[in-house]
Amino acid sequence: MLPEITKIKGVHPGAVLDRELKRRGLESKQFALSLGEYPQTINAISKGRRGINPALSIKLGNALGANEEYFMLLQAYYEVEKKRKELLKEQSKPDLTKIRSILFWDTDINKIDWQKHKKAVIKRIFERGNDVEIGEIITFYGKEIVEKVLNDIPQFLPTLSENAETYLGAKLNLKNDSK
């Protein structure tokens, strides 16, 4: 029996199909031919490289004893989840039009993981950034997080502490590694 859709929302329908074929001891090639489909089609769907269309959803539903729309609904939920993740990824970065890409000369600014590399980003912006860039980073991460990060990182350039005092309005306990 196929799992309830509510329990597997966002899962590629091919993963469910592959699991079901294995559970029933069906070979995908023979199964595809029994549906009047090319084996490559079922194989690509099972591997998550291809999606389900309405006609195939009907065939799969009938062959596996499910509702005809079962696999199409799975496909829709999968697409929505995929788009949701893309939008979340887009929202999880600052407004890059306000940050000069030259500040990140050693990497592609569009590929930065802004959460994972938060300390390095904040440090670099506070050492080398202008008013707009510093303001954007404070807006993006929040004043509390920026202050915490700045207190936990070593200071190499004096502009870091100057900018911290100017933009955050507080003297920070910055570590000084320059000896």
N, C-alpha and C. Protein backbone atom coordinates (compact mmCIF):
# COMPACT_ATOMS: atom_id res chain seq x y z
N MET A 1 0.85 -1.19 0.00
CA MET A 1 0.00 0.00 0.00
C MET A 1 0.88 1.24 0.00
N LEU A 2 0.51 2.18 -0.81
CA LEU A 2 1.26 3.42 -0.92
C LEU A 2 1.04 4.29 0.32
N PRO A 3 2.08 5.04 0.73
CA PRO A 3 1.92 5.90 1.92
C PRO A 3 0.95 7.05 1.67
N GLU A 4 0.38 7.57 2.76
CA GLU A 4 -0.51 8.73 2.66
C GLU A 4 0.28 9.93 2.15
N ILE A 5 -0.35 10.69 1.29
CA ILE A 5 0.32 11.84 0.69
C ILE A 5 0.74 12.84 1.77
N THR A 6 -0.09 13.05 2.77
CA THR A 6 0.24 14.03 3.80
C THR A 6 1.53 13.68 4.54
N LYS A 7 1.90 12.42 4.55
CA LYS A 7 3.11 12.00 5.25
C LYS A 7 4.36 12.15 4.40
N ILE A 8 4.19 12.28 3.08
CA ILE A 8 5.36 12.33 2.20
C ILE A 8 5.36 13.56 1.30
N LYS A 9 4.66 14.61 1.70
CA LYS A 9 4.65 15.85 0.91
C LYS A 9 6.07 16.32 0.68
N GLY A 10 6.37 16.72 -0.54
CA GLY A 10 7.69 17.24 -0.87
C GLY A 10 8.67 16.19 -1.34
N VAL A 11 8.30 14.93 -1.27
CA VAL A 11 9.17 13.85 -1.73
C VAL A 11 8.93 13.66 -3.23
N HIS A 12 10.00 13.46 -3.98
CA HIS A 12 9.85 13.26 -5.42
C HIS A 12 9.03 11.99 -5.65
N PRO A 13 8.04 12.04 -6.55
CA PRO A 13 7.20 10.86 -6.80
C PRO A 13 8.01 9.65 -7.27
N GLY A 14 9.14 9.89 -7.90
CA GLY A 14 10.00 8.79 -8.34
C GLY A 14 10.54 7.98 -7.18
N ALA A 15 10.83 8.63 -6.06
CA ALA A 15 11.32 7.92 -4.88
C ALA A 15 10.23 6.99 -4.34
N VAL A 16 9.00 7.47 -4.35
CA VAL A 16 7.87 6.66 -3.89
C VAL A 16 7.65 5.49 -4.85
N LEU A 17 7.70 5.78 -6.14
CA LEU A 17 7.52 4.73 -7.15
C LEU A 17 8.61 3.67 -7.02
N ASP A 18 9.86 4.10 -6.90
CA ASP A 18 10.98 3.17 -6.77
C ASP A 18 10.81 2.28 -5.54
N ARG A 19 10.44 2.88 -4.41
CA ARG A 19 10.22 2.12 -3.18
C ARG A 19 9.10 1.10 -3.35
N GLU A 20 8.04 1.53 -4.00
CA GLU A 20 6.88 0.66 -4.18
C GLU A 20 7.20 -0.51 -5.12
N LEU A 21 7.93 -0.24 -6.17
CA LEU A 21 8.31 -1.32 -7.09
C LEU A 21 9.20 -2.34 -6.37
N LYS A 22 10.13 -1.88 -5.58
CA LYS A 22 10.99 -2.80 -4.81
C LYS A 22 10.18 -3.58 -3.79
N ARG A 23 9.27 -2.90 -3.11
CA ARG A 23 8.45 -3.56 -2.10
C ARG A 23 7.60 -4.68 -2.71
N ARG A 24 7.15 -4.45 -3.93
CA ARG A 24 6.30 -5.44 -4.60
C ARG A 24 7.12 -6.45 -5.42
N GLY A 25 8.43 -6.27 -5.45
CA GLY A 25 9.29 -7.18 -6.20
C GLY A 25 9.13 -7.04 -7.71
N LEU A 26 8.78 -5.85 -8.16
CA LEU A 26 8.59 -5.61 -9.59
C LEU A 26 9.85 -5.00 -10.21
N GLU A 27 10.21 -5.49 -11.37
CA GLU A 27 11.33 -4.93 -12.12
C GLU A 27 10.81 -3.73 -12.89
N SER A 28 11.55 -2.63 -12.83
CA SER A 28 11.06 -1.40 -13.45
C SER A 28 10.88 -1.53 -14.97
N LYS A 29 11.75 -2.31 -15.61
CA LYS A 29 11.63 -2.47 -17.06
C LYS A 29 10.32 -3.17 -17.42
N GLN A 30 10.02 -4.28 -16.76
CA GLN A 30 8.78 -5.00 -17.02
C GLN A 30 7.55 -4.18 -16.65
N PHE A 31 7.67 -3.44 -15.54
CA PHE A 31 6.57 -2.59 -15.10
C PHE A 31 6.28 -1.52 -16.15
N ALA A 32 7.34 -0.90 -16.65
CA ALA A 32 7.18 0.15 -17.67
C ALA A 32 6.49 -0.40 -18.92
N LEU A 33 6.95 -1.56 -19.37
CA LEU A 33 6.35 -2.17 -20.56
C LEU A 33 4.89 -2.52 -20.33
N SER A 34 4.55 -2.96 -19.11
CA SER A 34 3.15 -3.29 -18.82
C SER A 34 2.25 -2.05 -18.86
N LEU A 35 2.86 -0.88 -18.63
CA LEU A 35 2.11 0.39 -18.69
C LEU A 35 2.07 0.97 -20.11
N GLY A 36 2.87 0.40 -20.98
CA GLY A 36 2.98 0.96 -22.33
C GLY A 36 3.91 2.16 -22.35
N GLU A 37 4.85 2.20 -21.43
CA GLU A 37 5.83 3.29 -21.34
C GLU A 37 7.22 2.75 -21.64
N TYR A 38 8.11 3.64 -22.00
CA TYR A 38 9.49 3.25 -22.22
C TYR A 38 10.16 2.99 -20.87
N PRO A 39 10.96 1.95 -20.78
CA PRO A 39 11.67 1.68 -19.52
C PRO A 39 12.54 2.87 -19.07
N GLN A 40 13.10 3.60 -20.04
CA GLN A 40 13.93 4.76 -19.70
C GLN A 40 13.12 5.83 -18.97
N THR A 41 11.85 5.95 -19.33
CA THR A 41 10.99 6.94 -18.69
C THR A 41 10.80 6.61 -17.22
N ILE A 42 10.43 5.36 -16.94
CA ILE A 42 10.21 4.94 -15.55
C ILE A 42 11.51 5.01 -14.77
N ASN A 43 12.62 4.63 -15.39
CA ASN A 43 13.92 4.68 -14.74
C ASN A 43 14.28 6.12 -14.38
N ALA A 44 14.08 7.06 -15.31
CA ALA A 44 14.39 8.47 -15.05
C ALA A 44 13.51 9.04 -13.93
N ILE A 45 12.25 8.63 -13.91
CA ILE A 45 11.35 9.08 -12.83
C ILE A 45 11.81 8.50 -11.50
N SER A 46 12.13 7.22 -11.48
CA SER A 46 12.58 6.56 -10.25
C SER A 46 13.85 7.18 -9.68
N LYS A 47 14.68 7.70 -10.55
CA LYS A 47 15.94 8.32 -10.12
C LYS A 47 15.78 9.82 -9.82
N GLY A 48 14.56 10.36 -10.00
CA GLY A 48 14.29 11.75 -9.70
C GLY A 48 14.76 12.72 -10.77
N ARG A 49 15.07 12.23 -11.95
CA ARG A 49 15.54 13.08 -13.03
C ARG A 49 14.40 13.58 -13.92
N ARG A 50 13.24 13.05 -13.71
CA ARG A 50 12.09 13.41 -14.54
C ARG A 50 10.84 13.42 -13.66
N GLY A 51 9.87 14.23 -14.06
CA GLY A 51 8.64 14.34 -13.29
C GLY A 51 7.51 13.49 -13.87
N ILE A 52 6.40 13.52 -13.18
CA ILE A 52 5.20 12.78 -13.56
C ILE A 52 4.27 13.72 -14.33
N ASN A 53 3.64 13.21 -15.39
CA ASN A 53 2.62 13.98 -16.08
C ASN A 53 1.25 13.36 -15.76
N PRO A 54 0.16 14.05 -16.06
CA PRO A 54 -1.17 13.53 -15.70
C PRO A 54 -1.47 12.15 -16.29
N ALA A 55 -1.12 11.91 -17.54
CA ALA A 55 -1.41 10.61 -18.16
C ALA A 55 -0.68 9.48 -17.44
N LEU A 56 0.57 9.73 -17.09
CA LEU A 56 1.34 8.71 -16.38
C LEU A 56 0.82 8.51 -14.96
N SER A 57 0.38 9.58 -14.33
CA SER A 57 -0.20 9.47 -12.99
C SER A 57 -1.42 8.54 -12.99
N ILE A 58 -2.23 8.66 -14.02
CA ILE A 58 -3.41 7.79 -14.14
C ILE A 58 -2.98 6.34 -14.31
N LYS A 59 -2.00 6.10 -15.19
CA LYS A 59 -1.51 4.74 -15.42
C LYS A 59 -0.91 4.14 -14.15
N LEU A 60 -0.09 4.94 -13.46
CA LEU A 60 0.55 4.44 -12.24
C LEU A 60 -0.48 4.17 -11.14
N GLY A 61 -1.42 5.08 -10.99
CA GLY A 61 -2.46 4.90 -9.99
C GLY A 61 -3.24 3.62 -10.21
N ASN A 62 -3.65 3.39 -11.46
CA ASN A 62 -4.40 2.17 -11.78
C ASN A 62 -3.56 0.92 -11.57
N ALA A 63 -2.31 0.95 -11.98
CA ALA A 63 -1.44 -0.23 -11.87
C ALA A 63 -1.08 -0.56 -10.44
N LEU A 64 -0.99 0.46 -9.59
CA LEU A 64 -0.55 0.24 -8.21
C LEU A 64 -1.70 0.31 -7.20
N GLY A 65 -2.91 0.40 -7.69
CA GLY A 65 -4.08 0.40 -6.80
C GLY A 65 -4.23 1.67 -5.98
N ALA A 66 -3.85 2.80 -6.55
CA ALA A 66 -3.98 4.09 -5.87
C ALA A 66 -4.93 4.97 -6.68
N ASN A 67 -5.25 6.12 -6.11
CA ASN A 67 -6.05 7.08 -6.86
C ASN A 67 -5.27 7.52 -8.09
N GLU A 68 -5.98 7.82 -9.15
CA GLU A 68 -5.33 8.22 -10.40
C GLU A 68 -4.51 9.50 -10.25
N GLU A 69 -4.91 10.35 -9.31
CA GLU A 69 -4.21 11.63 -9.13
C GLU A 69 -3.07 11.54 -8.10
N TYR A 70 -2.88 10.41 -7.48
CA TYR A 70 -1.90 10.24 -6.40
C TYR A 70 -0.51 10.75 -6.80
N PHE A 71 0.03 10.25 -7.90
CA PHE A 71 1.38 10.62 -8.30
C PHE A 71 1.46 12.05 -8.82
N MET A 72 0.36 12.52 -9.41
CA MET A 72 0.33 13.91 -9.88
C MET A 72 0.34 14.86 -8.68
N LEU A 73 -0.39 14.51 -7.63
CA LEU A 73 -0.38 15.33 -6.41
C LEU A 73 1.01 15.32 -5.77
N LEU A 74 1.63 14.16 -5.75
CA LEU A 74 3.00 14.09 -5.23
C LEU A 74 3.93 15.01 -6.03
N GLN A 75 3.76 14.99 -7.35
CA GLN A 75 4.58 15.84 -8.21
C GLN A 75 4.34 17.31 -7.88
N ALA A 76 3.09 17.68 -7.70
CA ALA A 76 2.76 19.07 -7.38
C ALA A 76 3.37 19.48 -6.04
N TYR A 77 3.22 18.63 -5.02
CA TYR A 77 3.81 18.93 -3.71
C TYR A 77 5.33 19.03 -3.80
N TYR A 78 5.92 18.17 -4.59
CA TYR A 78 7.37 18.20 -4.78
C TYR A 78 7.81 19.52 -5.42
N GLU A 79 7.09 19.94 -6.46
CA GLU A 79 7.43 21.19 -7.15
C GLU A 79 7.27 22.40 -6.22
N VAL A 80 6.21 22.40 -5.42
CA VAL A 80 5.99 23.50 -4.48
C VAL A 80 7.12 23.54 -3.45
N GLU A 81 7.51 22.40 -2.92
CA GLU A 81 8.58 22.33 -1.93
C GLU A 81 9.91 22.78 -2.54
N LYS A 82 10.15 22.38 -3.76
CA LYS A 82 11.38 22.77 -4.47
C LYS A 82 11.42 24.29 -4.65
N LYS A 83 10.31 24.89 -5.05
CA LYS A 83 10.24 26.34 -5.23
C LYS A 83 10.36 27.06 -3.89
N ARG A 84 9.75 26.50 -2.85
CA ARG A 84 9.83 27.10 -1.51
C ARG A 84 11.30 27.16 -1.07
N LYS A 85 12.05 26.10 -1.32
CA LYS A 85 13.47 26.08 -0.94
C LYS A 85 14.26 27.10 -1.74
N GLU A 86 13.94 27.25 -3.02
CA GLU A 86 14.61 28.25 -3.84
C GLU A 86 14.35 29.66 -3.31
N LEU A 87 13.09 29.93 -2.97
CA LEU A 87 12.74 31.26 -2.46
C LEU A 87 13.40 31.52 -1.11
N LEU A 88 13.46 30.51 -0.26
CA LEU A 88 14.13 30.65 1.03
C LEU A 88 15.60 30.96 0.84
N LYS A 89 16.21 30.30 -0.13
CA LYS A 89 17.62 30.53 -0.41
C LYS A 89 17.82 31.97 -0.88
N GLU A 90 16.90 32.46 -1.70
CA GLU A 90 16.99 33.84 -2.19
C GLU A 90 16.86 34.84 -1.05
N GLN A 91 15.96 34.54 -0.10
CA GLN A 91 15.72 35.45 1.01
C GLN A 91 16.82 35.38 2.05
N SER A 92 17.65 34.36 1.98
CA SER A 92 18.67 34.18 3.00
C SER A 92 19.99 34.85 2.64
N LYS A 93 19.89 35.92 1.85
CA LYS A 93 21.08 36.70 1.57
C LYS A 93 20.71 38.17 1.57
N PRO A 94 21.69 39.02 1.84
CA PRO A 94 21.41 40.46 1.86
C PRO A 94 21.16 40.99 0.45
N ASP A 95 20.76 42.23 0.37
CA ASP A 95 20.55 42.88 -0.92
C ASP A 95 21.92 43.11 -1.56
N LEU A 96 22.26 42.27 -2.53
CA LEU A 96 23.59 42.32 -3.13
C LEU A 96 23.82 43.55 -3.99
N THR A 97 22.76 44.28 -4.31
CA THR A 97 22.95 45.52 -5.06
C THR A 97 23.58 46.59 -4.18
N LYS A 98 23.56 46.38 -2.86
CA LYS A 98 24.13 47.35 -1.93
C LYS A 98 25.54 46.98 -1.48
N ILE A 99 26.05 45.86 -1.97
CA ILE A 99 27.38 45.41 -1.57
C ILE A 99 28.26 45.26 -2.80
N ARG A 100 29.40 45.90 -2.78
CA ARG A 100 30.34 45.81 -3.90
C ARG A 100 30.96 44.41 -3.93
N SER A 101 30.90 43.79 -5.08
CA SER A 101 31.44 42.43 -5.20
C SER A 101 32.96 42.41 -5.03
N ILE A 102 33.63 43.52 -5.24
CA ILE A 102 35.09 43.58 -5.09
C ILE A 102 35.51 43.30 -3.65
N LEU A 103 34.62 43.53 -2.69
CA LEU A 103 34.93 43.22 -1.30
C LEU A 103 35.19 41.72 -1.11
N PHE A 104 34.58 40.92 -1.99
CA PHE A 104 34.74 39.47 -1.92
C PHE A 104 35.51 39.02 -3.16
N TRP A 105 36.67 39.62 -3.37
CA TRP A 105 37.50 39.36 -4.54
C TRP A 105 37.94 37.91 -4.65
N ASP A 106 37.97 37.22 -3.53
CA ASP A 106 38.49 35.85 -3.50
C ASP A 106 37.41 34.78 -3.68
N THR A 107 36.18 35.19 -3.90
CA THR A 107 35.09 34.23 -4.08
C THR A 107 34.00 34.86 -4.93
N ASP A 108 33.07 34.03 -5.39
CA ASP A 108 31.92 34.53 -6.14
C ASP A 108 30.87 34.97 -5.13
N ILE A 109 30.56 36.25 -5.11
CA ILE A 109 29.62 36.80 -4.13
C ILE A 109 28.25 36.13 -4.19
N ASN A 110 27.87 35.63 -5.36
CA ASN A 110 26.57 34.97 -5.52
C ASN A 110 26.54 33.57 -4.93
N LYS A 111 27.70 33.01 -4.62
CA LYS A 111 27.75 31.65 -4.08
C LYS A 111 28.08 31.60 -2.59
N ILE A 112 28.15 32.76 -1.95
CA ILE A 112 28.45 32.80 -0.52
C ILE A 112 27.27 32.25 0.26
N ASP A 113 27.55 31.39 1.22
CA ASP A 113 26.54 30.94 2.17
C ASP A 113 26.58 31.95 3.31
N TRP A 114 25.63 32.88 3.30
CA TRP A 114 25.66 34.04 4.18
C TRP A 114 25.48 33.68 5.65
N GLN A 115 24.87 32.54 5.93
CA GLN A 115 24.73 32.11 7.33
C GLN A 115 25.98 31.37 7.80
N LYS A 116 26.44 30.47 6.98
CA LYS A 116 27.61 29.65 7.34
C LYS A 116 28.86 30.52 7.51
N HIS A 117 29.01 31.54 6.68
CA HIS A 117 30.22 32.37 6.70
C HIS A 117 29.96 33.75 7.31
N LYS A 118 29.02 33.80 8.23
CA LYS A 118 28.59 35.05 8.85
C LYS A 118 29.77 35.83 9.46
N LYS A 119 30.62 35.14 10.21
CA LYS A 119 31.74 35.83 10.87
C LYS A 119 32.67 36.49 9.86
N ALA A 120 33.03 35.75 8.82
CA ALA A 120 33.95 36.28 7.81
C ALA A 120 33.32 37.45 7.06
N VAL A 121 32.03 37.34 6.76
CA VAL A 121 31.33 38.40 6.03
C VAL A 121 31.28 39.67 6.87
N ILE A 122 30.86 39.53 8.11
CA ILE A 122 30.74 40.71 8.99
C ILE A 122 32.11 41.36 9.18
N LYS A 123 33.11 40.54 9.42
CA LYS A 123 34.46 41.08 9.60
C LYS A 123 34.91 41.85 8.37
N ARG A 124 34.75 41.25 7.21
CA ARG A 124 35.21 41.89 5.98
C ARG A 124 34.46 43.19 5.71
N ILE A 125 33.17 43.17 5.90
CA ILE A 125 32.37 44.38 5.65
C ILE A 125 32.75 45.49 6.64
N PHE A 126 32.95 45.13 7.90
CA PHE A 126 33.30 46.15 8.89
C PHE A 126 34.73 46.65 8.73
N GLU A 127 35.61 45.84 8.15
CA GLU A 127 36.97 46.30 7.90
C GLU A 127 37.09 47.14 6.64
N ARG A 128 36.33 46.75 5.59
CA ARG A 128 36.55 47.36 4.27
C ARG A 128 35.30 47.99 3.64
N GLY A 129 34.16 47.86 4.29
CA GLY A 129 32.92 48.31 3.69
C GLY A 129 32.65 49.80 3.85
N ASN A 130 31.72 50.29 3.05
CA ASN A 130 31.31 51.69 3.16
C ASN A 130 30.01 51.77 3.97
N ASP A 131 29.46 52.98 4.09
CA ASP A 131 28.26 53.19 4.91
C ASP A 131 27.09 52.30 4.48
N VAL A 132 26.86 52.22 3.19
CA VAL A 132 25.72 51.45 2.67
C VAL A 132 25.91 49.96 2.95
N GLU A 133 27.12 49.47 2.72
CA GLU A 133 27.40 48.04 2.92
C GLU A 133 27.28 47.65 4.39
N ILE A 134 27.82 48.47 5.26
CA ILE A 134 27.73 48.19 6.69
C ILE A 134 26.28 48.23 7.14
N GLY A 135 25.55 49.23 6.66
CA GLY A 135 24.12 49.32 7.00
C GLY A 135 23.34 48.11 6.53
N GLU A 136 23.64 47.61 5.35
CA GLU A 136 22.94 46.43 4.81
C GLU A 136 23.25 45.19 5.65
N ILE A 137 24.49 45.04 6.06
CA ILE A 137 24.86 43.88 6.87
C ILE A 137 24.20 43.94 8.25
N ILE A 138 24.12 45.12 8.83
CA ILE A 138 23.43 45.27 10.13
C ILE A 138 21.94 44.96 9.96
N THR A 139 21.34 45.44 8.88
CA THR A 139 19.93 45.15 8.61
C THR A 139 19.71 43.65 8.40
N PHE A 140 20.60 43.03 7.64
CA PHE A 140 20.45 41.62 7.30
C PHE A 140 20.61 40.71 8.52
N TYR A 141 21.68 40.89 9.28
CA TYR A 141 21.94 40.00 10.41
C TYR A 141 21.29 40.48 11.71
N GLY A 142 21.07 41.77 11.83
CA GLY A 142 20.55 42.33 13.06
C GLY A 142 21.69 42.84 13.93
N LYS A 143 21.43 43.93 14.65
CA LYS A 143 22.47 44.60 15.45
C LYS A 143 23.07 43.67 16.51
N GLU A 144 22.23 42.92 17.20
CA GLU A 144 22.72 42.03 18.26
C GLU A 144 23.70 40.99 17.74
N ILE A 145 23.36 40.37 16.63
CA ILE A 145 24.22 39.33 16.06
C ILE A 145 25.53 39.93 15.59
N VAL A 146 25.47 41.09 14.94
CA VAL A 146 26.69 41.74 14.45
C VAL A 146 27.60 42.08 15.63
N GLU A 147 27.04 42.64 16.71
CA GLU A 147 27.85 42.96 17.89
C GLU A 147 28.50 41.72 18.47
N LYS A 148 27.73 40.65 18.59
CA LYS A 148 28.25 39.40 19.15
C LYS A 148 29.40 38.87 18.30
N VAL A 149 29.21 38.85 16.98
CA VAL A 149 30.25 38.35 16.08
C VAL A 149 31.50 39.22 16.18
N LEU A 150 31.32 40.54 16.20
CA LEU A 150 32.47 41.44 16.26
C LEU A 150 33.23 41.29 17.58
N ASN A 151 32.55 40.96 18.65
CA ASN A 151 33.22 40.73 19.93
C ASN A 151 33.99 39.42 19.94
N ASP A 152 33.63 38.49 19.09
CA ASP A 152 34.25 37.16 19.09
C ASP A 152 35.35 36.98 18.05
N ILE A 153 35.61 37.99 17.24
CA ILE A 153 36.63 37.81 16.19
C ILE A 153 37.83 38.70 16.46
N PRO A 154 39.01 38.25 16.03
CA PRO A 154 40.20 39.08 16.21
C PRO A 154 40.17 40.30 15.29
N GLN A 155 40.74 41.39 15.76
CA GLN A 155 40.79 42.61 14.98
C GLN A 155 42.15 42.71 14.29
N PHE A 156 42.13 42.87 12.98
CA PHE A 156 43.36 43.04 12.23
C PHE A 156 43.52 44.47 11.75
N LEU A 157 42.45 45.06 11.27
CA LEU A 157 42.49 46.43 10.77
C LEU A 157 41.78 47.35 11.77
N PRO A 158 42.34 48.53 12.04
CA PRO A 158 41.71 49.44 13.00
C PRO A 158 40.33 49.93 12.55
N THR A 159 40.07 49.88 11.24
CA THR A 159 38.76 50.33 10.77
C THR A 159 37.63 49.48 11.32
N LEU A 160 37.92 48.24 11.67
CA LEU A 160 36.88 47.35 12.20
C LEU A 160 36.31 47.93 13.49
N SER A 161 37.18 48.28 14.45
CA SER A 161 36.68 48.82 15.72
C SER A 161 36.08 50.21 15.53
N GLU A 162 36.66 51.01 14.64
CA GLU A 162 36.10 52.34 14.37
C GLU A 162 34.69 52.23 13.80
N ASN A 163 34.52 51.35 12.83
CA ASN A 163 33.20 51.17 12.23
C ASN A 163 32.21 50.56 13.23
N ALA A 164 32.68 49.66 14.07
CA ALA A 164 31.80 49.07 15.08
C ALA A 164 31.27 50.15 16.01
N GLU A 165 32.15 51.04 16.44
CA GLU A 165 31.71 52.13 17.33
C GLU A 165 30.78 53.09 16.60
N THR A 166 31.11 53.42 15.36
CA THR A 166 30.32 54.37 14.58
C THR A 166 28.92 53.84 14.29
N TYR A 167 28.83 52.60 13.81
CA TYR A 167 27.55 52.08 13.33
C TYR A 167 26.74 51.33 14.37
N LEU A 168 27.39 50.84 15.38
CA LEU A 168 26.65 50.11 16.41
C LEU A 168 26.49 50.92 17.68
N GLY A 169 27.21 52.03 17.78
CA GLY A 169 27.05 52.95 18.90
C GLY A 169 27.56 52.42 20.22
N ALA A 170 28.42 51.43 20.19
CA ALA A 170 28.94 50.89 21.43
C ALA A 170 30.40 50.50 21.24
N LYS A 171 31.17 50.72 22.30
CA LYS A 171 32.57 50.29 22.26
C LYS A 171 32.57 48.79 22.53
N LEU A 172 33.16 48.05 21.60
CA LEU A 172 33.17 46.59 21.71
C LEU A 172 34.47 46.10 22.35
N ASN A 173 34.41 44.94 22.89
CA ASN A 173 35.60 44.30 23.47
C ASN A 173 36.28 43.46 22.39
N LEU A 174 36.79 44.13 21.39
CA LEU A 174 37.37 43.42 20.26
C LEU A 174 38.73 42.83 20.64
N LYS A 175 38.96 41.62 20.19
CA LYS A 175 40.25 40.98 20.39
C LYS A 175 41.25 41.64 19.47
N ASN A 176 42.45 41.85 19.94
CA ASN A 176 43.47 42.46 19.09
C ASN A 176 44.58 41.47 18.87
N ASP A 177 44.70 40.95 17.65
CA ASP A 177 45.72 39.96 17.32
C ASP A 177 46.98 40.60 16.77
N SER A 178 46.97 41.88 16.51
CA SER A 178 48.17 42.50 15.97
C SER A 178 49.11 42.80 17.13
N LYS A 179 50.28 42.14 17.13
CA LYS A 179 51.22 42.28 18.24
C LYS A 179 52.48 42.96 17.81
